[in-house]
Structure formats: C-alpha cells, structure tokens
Amino acid sequence: MRGRRNQEPVVRSLVTPRNGEVIGLIVGALGAANFRIICSDKKERTCSIPGRLKRRFWIKEGDLVVVKPWIVQGDSRGDIVWRYSMMDRDLLRQKGYEIPK
C-alpha cells in the first residue's frame, strides 16, 4: 500500500483497429500459439501470436482481439496484435464497433 494514497486513476487509451485490421472473437485454441477466430468481417481465420508478443498475451476462448490479416492468405490466416479486457469490450460497443458473437 505504500505510495498509493494520493495517486489518481490511470487513464488508458483504447486501442482501435487500424488500416486493414479487424476485431475478432476467439472460438478455440489450436495449440502452439494458434487460435481459431471469428472476425468482424464475417470470416473465420486461423491466427497466431507473433514471436515478439508470445509472452505478453494470455489468451483464452471468448477473448476479444485485434487481428491483422496476412497479405497472402488474408481470408484464412492472420496475426493477433492486441487483446482487449472486459472493460474495453463495453467501450468498443459504445464507440460503435461491430463485435462478433
């Protein structure tokens, strides 16, 4: 508790999908950092966590993520760029982003 008395709450900015990225919902784990994801563009992709981010994310079924489709095989493959928390999910809905179900 030391040093926490007079701190203000931390304000984070919401990470939104950039050019070419889509929001996706984790449907299942395939092993070796690969996941089956239903994306907001109505496509189902097999996505992986890039090596530089493998130790940063702990992903499970039902999580909401940002997916960057590959240039080649973009309709079926992609990389996971970001994982949203439960509070972020509500903020995305308020901002009008389509969240897959």
Protein backbone atom coordinates (compact mmCIF):
# COMPACT_ATOMS: atom_id res chain seq x y z
CA MET A 1 0.00 0.00 0.00
CA ARG A 2 2.99 2.24 0.28
CA GLY A 3 2.91 5.08 -2.25
CA ARG A 4 -0.68 4.58 -3.46
CA ARG A 5 -2.61 7.05 -1.36
CA ASN A 6 -2.57 10.18 -3.50
CA GLN A 7 -2.44 8.64 -6.95
CA GLU A 8 -5.14 9.35 -9.48
CA PRO A 9 -6.64 6.51 -11.52
CA VAL A 10 -4.68 5.55 -14.61
CA VAL A 11 -6.37 6.61 -17.83
CA ARG A 12 -5.60 4.31 -20.78
CA SER A 13 -6.38 5.00 -24.38
CA LEU A 14 -8.47 2.42 -26.18
CA VAL A 15 -6.60 0.54 -28.91
CA THR A 16 -8.75 0.52 -32.04
CA PRO A 17 -8.22 -1.43 -35.28
CA ARG A 18 -6.09 0.46 -37.77
CA ASN A 19 -5.87 0.13 -41.55
CA GLY A 20 -6.68 -3.43 -42.56
CA GLU A 21 -7.08 -4.76 -39.01
CA VAL A 22 -10.32 -6.31 -37.74
CA ILE A 23 -11.81 -7.23 -34.37
CA GLY A 24 -12.12 -10.95 -33.70
CA LEU A 25 -13.55 -13.33 -31.11
CA ILE A 26 -11.50 -16.37 -30.02
CA VAL A 27 -13.51 -19.53 -30.74
CA GLY A 28 -10.90 -22.15 -29.87
CA ALA A 29 -7.25 -22.85 -29.22
CA LEU A 30 -5.42 -25.00 -31.77
CA GLY A 31 -2.12 -25.29 -29.89
CA ALA A 32 1.33 -23.77 -30.42
CA ALA A 33 0.00 -20.18 -30.07
CA ASN A 34 -2.57 -20.70 -32.85
CA PHE A 35 -6.25 -19.86 -32.44
CA ARG A 36 -9.49 -20.15 -34.42
CA ILE A 37 -11.06 -16.67 -34.61
CA ILE A 38 -14.34 -15.32 -36.00
CA CYS A 39 -13.66 -11.80 -37.27
CA SER A 40 -15.96 -8.79 -37.63
CA ASP A 41 -15.76 -9.07 -41.44
CA LYS A 42 -17.65 -12.42 -41.16
CA LYS A 43 -14.59 -14.56 -41.95
CA GLU A 44 -13.14 -17.33 -39.83
CA ARG A 45 -9.35 -17.22 -39.59
CA THR A 46 -6.58 -19.28 -38.05
CA CYS A 47 -4.43 -16.73 -36.25
CA SER A 48 -1.18 -16.91 -34.36
CA ILE A 49 0.60 -14.76 -31.83
CA PRO A 50 3.84 -13.37 -33.36
CA GLY A 51 7.04 -14.30 -31.56
CA ARG A 52 7.66 -10.82 -30.18
CA LEU A 53 4.26 -10.87 -28.42
CA LYS A 54 4.08 -14.52 -27.26
CA ARG A 55 4.98 -13.85 -23.63
CA ARG A 56 2.84 -10.70 -23.42
CA PHE A 57 -0.62 -12.16 -24.04
CA TRP A 58 -2.52 -14.82 -22.13
CA ILE A 59 -5.41 -15.65 -24.46
CA LYS A 60 -8.36 -17.97 -23.86
CA GLU A 61 -11.70 -18.75 -25.53
CA GLY A 62 -14.13 -15.84 -25.55
CA ASP A 63 -11.46 -13.12 -25.58
CA LEU A 64 -11.77 -10.20 -27.97
CA VAL A 65 -8.65 -9.44 -30.03
CA VAL A 66 -7.40 -7.27 -32.89
CA VAL A 67 -6.40 -9.36 -35.90
CA LYS A 68 -4.12 -8.26 -38.72
CA PRO A 69 -4.83 -10.45 -41.77
CA TRP A 70 -1.82 -11.71 -43.69
CA ILE A 71 -1.07 -10.24 -47.11
CA VAL A 72 -1.06 -13.74 -48.60
CA GLN A 73 -3.97 -15.98 -47.45
CA GLY A 74 -5.57 -12.97 -45.77
CA ASP A 75 -9.03 -14.57 -45.83
CA SER A 76 -7.90 -17.59 -43.80
CA ARG A 77 -4.81 -16.53 -41.79
CA GLY A 78 -3.74 -13.63 -39.59
CA ASP A 79 -1.75 -12.40 -36.60
CA ILE A 80 -3.10 -11.39 -33.20
CA VAL A 81 -1.97 -7.84 -32.48
CA TRP A 82 -3.86 -6.92 -29.28
CA ARG A 83 -6.13 -8.47 -26.63
CA TYR A 84 -8.97 -6.45 -25.09
CA SER A 85 -10.05 -6.59 -21.47
CA MET A 86 -13.70 -6.91 -20.44
CA MET A 87 -13.95 -3.16 -19.80
CA ASP A 88 -12.59 -2.46 -23.29
CA ARG A 89 -15.36 -4.62 -24.79
CA ASP A 90 -18.03 -2.28 -23.40
CA LEU A 91 -16.13 0.80 -24.63
CA LEU A 92 -15.90 -0.69 -28.14
CA ARG A 93 -19.67 -1.23 -28.18
CA GLN A 94 -20.24 2.38 -27.08
CA LYS A 95 -17.98 3.64 -29.89
CA GLY A 96 -19.98 1.66 -32.44
CA TYR A 97 -17.56 -1.12 -33.38
CA GLU A 98 -19.10 -4.39 -34.55
CA ILE A 99 -18.22 -7.21 -32.15
CA PRO A 100 -18.58 -10.79 -33.45
CA LYS A 101 -20.77 -13.21 -31.50
